[in-house]
Amino acid sequence: MRYSEEEKVEVNNEFLKMVVRMEFNLVEFNFISGIFDTCLNLNEKVEEYIEKQSGE
């Protein structure tokens, strides 16, 4: 998937919102997030931005 860095941040945020609403257990969450991380391919800069944003 070819998303811009801004789109990757938006997609990641929406994914996390959906996961919270679905109330997955830890095993299900790890499975789903592993697939998601593989498909989205976030680079370090985007990951740091997302972490900083979620901490606010």
N, C-alpha and C. Protein backbone atom coordinates (compact mmCIF):
# COMPACT_ATOMS: atom_id res chain seq x y z
N MET A 1 0.84 -1.17 0.00
CA MET A 1 0.00 0.00 0.00
C MET A 1 0.89 1.23 0.00
N ARG A 2 0.55 2.15 -0.80
CA ARG A 2 1.37 3.35 -0.92
C ARG A 2 0.63 4.54 -0.32
N TYR A 3 0.85 4.74 0.96
CA TYR A 3 0.28 5.87 1.66
C TYR A 3 1.37 6.90 1.91
N SER A 4 1.00 8.17 1.94
CA SER A 4 1.95 9.20 2.36
C SER A 4 2.13 9.06 3.87
N GLU A 5 3.14 9.75 4.41
CA GLU A 5 3.37 9.66 5.85
C GLU A 5 2.17 10.19 6.64
N GLU A 6 1.53 11.24 6.16
CA GLU A 6 0.36 11.79 6.82
C GLU A 6 -0.79 10.78 6.81
N GLU A 7 -0.96 10.11 5.69
CA GLU A 7 -2.02 9.10 5.58
C GLU A 7 -1.74 7.91 6.50
N LYS A 8 -0.47 7.54 6.63
CA LYS A 8 -0.12 6.43 7.51
C LYS A 8 -0.48 6.76 8.96
N VAL A 9 -0.25 8.00 9.36
CA VAL A 9 -0.60 8.41 10.72
C VAL A 9 -2.11 8.32 10.91
N GLU A 10 -2.88 8.80 9.96
CA GLU A 10 -4.33 8.74 10.05
C GLU A 10 -4.84 7.30 10.08
N VAL A 11 -4.30 6.46 9.21
CA VAL A 11 -4.71 5.05 9.15
C VAL A 11 -4.38 4.37 10.48
N ASN A 12 -3.19 4.63 11.01
CA ASN A 12 -2.79 4.03 12.28
C ASN A 12 -3.73 4.46 13.41
N ASN A 13 -4.03 5.76 13.48
CA ASN A 13 -4.93 6.26 14.53
C ASN A 13 -6.31 5.63 14.43
N GLU A 14 -6.84 5.52 13.24
CA GLU A 14 -8.17 4.91 13.07
C GLU A 14 -8.14 3.43 13.42
N PHE A 15 -7.05 2.74 13.07
CA PHE A 15 -6.90 1.33 13.42
C PHE A 15 -6.93 1.15 14.93
N LEU A 16 -6.18 1.98 15.65
CA LEU A 16 -6.14 1.88 17.10
C LEU A 16 -7.50 2.15 17.72
N LYS A 17 -8.23 3.11 17.18
CA LYS A 17 -9.59 3.38 17.69
C LYS A 17 -10.49 2.17 17.50
N MET A 18 -10.40 1.53 16.34
CA MET A 18 -11.23 0.35 16.07
C MET A 18 -10.86 -0.79 17.00
N VAL A 19 -9.57 -1.00 17.22
CA VAL A 19 -9.13 -2.10 18.09
C VAL A 19 -9.65 -1.90 19.51
N VAL A 20 -9.62 -0.67 19.99
CA VAL A 20 -10.11 -0.40 21.34
C VAL A 20 -11.60 -0.69 21.44
N ARG A 21 -12.36 -0.30 20.44
CA ARG A 21 -13.81 -0.56 20.45
C ARG A 21 -14.13 -2.04 20.37
N MET A 22 -13.30 -2.82 19.70
CA MET A 22 -13.57 -4.25 19.52
C MET A 22 -13.20 -5.08 20.74
N GLU A 23 -12.43 -4.52 21.66
CA GLU A 23 -12.06 -5.18 22.91
C GLU A 23 -11.44 -6.56 22.68
N PHE A 24 -10.39 -6.61 21.86
CA PHE A 24 -9.66 -7.85 21.63
C PHE A 24 -8.92 -8.27 22.89
N ASN A 25 -8.73 -9.59 23.05
CA ASN A 25 -7.82 -10.03 24.11
C ASN A 25 -6.40 -9.87 23.58
N LEU A 26 -5.41 -10.13 24.43
CA LEU A 26 -4.01 -9.86 24.06
C LEU A 26 -3.56 -10.68 22.85
N VAL A 27 -3.93 -11.93 22.77
CA VAL A 27 -3.52 -12.79 21.65
C VAL A 27 -4.14 -12.28 20.35
N GLU A 28 -5.42 -11.97 20.37
CA GLU A 28 -6.09 -11.45 19.17
C GLU A 28 -5.48 -10.13 18.74
N PHE A 29 -5.21 -9.25 19.73
CA PHE A 29 -4.62 -7.95 19.41
C PHE A 29 -3.25 -8.11 18.75
N ASN A 30 -2.41 -8.98 19.32
CA ASN A 30 -1.07 -9.19 18.75
C ASN A 30 -1.15 -9.73 17.33
N PHE A 31 -2.08 -10.63 17.07
CA PHE A 31 -2.25 -11.19 15.73
C PHE A 31 -2.68 -10.10 14.74
N ILE A 32 -3.72 -9.37 15.09
CA ILE A 32 -4.25 -8.32 14.20
C ILE A 32 -3.23 -7.21 14.00
N SER A 33 -2.57 -6.77 15.07
CA SER A 33 -1.61 -5.67 14.91
C SER A 33 -0.38 -6.11 14.12
N GLY A 34 -0.01 -7.39 14.21
CA GLY A 34 1.10 -7.90 13.40
C GLY A 34 0.80 -7.82 11.92
N ILE A 35 -0.40 -8.21 11.56
CA ILE A 35 -0.83 -8.11 10.15
C ILE A 35 -0.85 -6.65 9.72
N PHE A 36 -1.44 -5.80 10.54
CA PHE A 36 -1.55 -4.38 10.23
C PHE A 36 -0.17 -3.75 10.05
N ASP A 37 0.75 -4.02 10.99
CA ASP A 37 2.10 -3.46 10.91
C ASP A 37 2.82 -3.91 9.66
N THR A 38 2.62 -5.16 9.26
CA THR A 38 3.25 -5.69 8.05
C THR A 38 2.75 -4.96 6.81
N CYS A 39 1.46 -4.70 6.77
CA CYS A 39 0.86 -4.05 5.60
C CYS A 39 1.17 -2.56 5.53
N LEU A 40 1.23 -1.88 6.67
CA LEU A 40 1.39 -0.43 6.66
C LEU A 40 2.85 0.01 6.54
N ASN A 41 3.80 -0.76 7.03
CA ASN A 41 5.23 -0.44 6.93
C ASN A 41 5.55 0.99 7.38
N LEU A 42 5.39 1.26 8.67
CA LEU A 42 5.73 2.58 9.21
C LEU A 42 7.24 2.70 9.35
N ASN A 43 7.77 3.86 8.99
CA ASN A 43 9.20 4.08 9.22
C ASN A 43 9.38 4.67 10.62
N GLU A 44 10.62 4.78 11.08
CA GLU A 44 10.89 5.23 12.44
C GLU A 44 10.36 6.63 12.70
N LYS A 45 10.48 7.51 11.73
CA LYS A 45 10.02 8.89 11.89
C LYS A 45 8.52 8.93 12.14
N VAL A 46 7.76 8.16 11.38
CA VAL A 46 6.31 8.12 11.54
C VAL A 46 5.95 7.47 12.87
N GLU A 47 6.64 6.40 13.25
CA GLU A 47 6.37 5.73 14.52
C GLU A 47 6.62 6.67 15.70
N GLU A 48 7.72 7.43 15.66
CA GLU A 48 8.02 8.38 16.73
C GLU A 48 6.94 9.46 16.80
N TYR A 49 6.49 9.94 15.67
CA TYR A 49 5.45 10.96 15.64
C TYR A 49 4.15 10.42 16.25
N ILE A 50 3.79 9.20 15.90
CA ILE A 50 2.57 8.59 16.42
C ILE A 50 2.67 8.41 17.93
N GLU A 51 3.82 7.93 18.41
CA GLU A 51 4.01 7.76 19.84
C GLU A 51 3.92 9.08 20.58
N LYS A 52 4.55 10.10 20.02
CA LYS A 52 4.50 11.42 20.64
C LYS A 52 3.07 11.95 20.66
N GLN A 53 2.33 11.75 19.58
CA GLN A 53 0.97 12.22 19.47
C GLN A 53 0.05 11.49 20.45
N SER A 54 0.24 10.19 20.62
CA SER A 54 -0.62 9.41 21.51
C SER A 54 -0.34 9.72 22.98
N GLY A 55 0.84 10.24 23.28
CA GLY A 55 1.19 10.58 24.65
C GLY A 55 0.57 11.88 25.13
N GLU A 56 0.05 12.66 24.23
CA GLU A 56 -0.53 13.96 24.58
C GLU A 56 -1.90 13.84 25.15
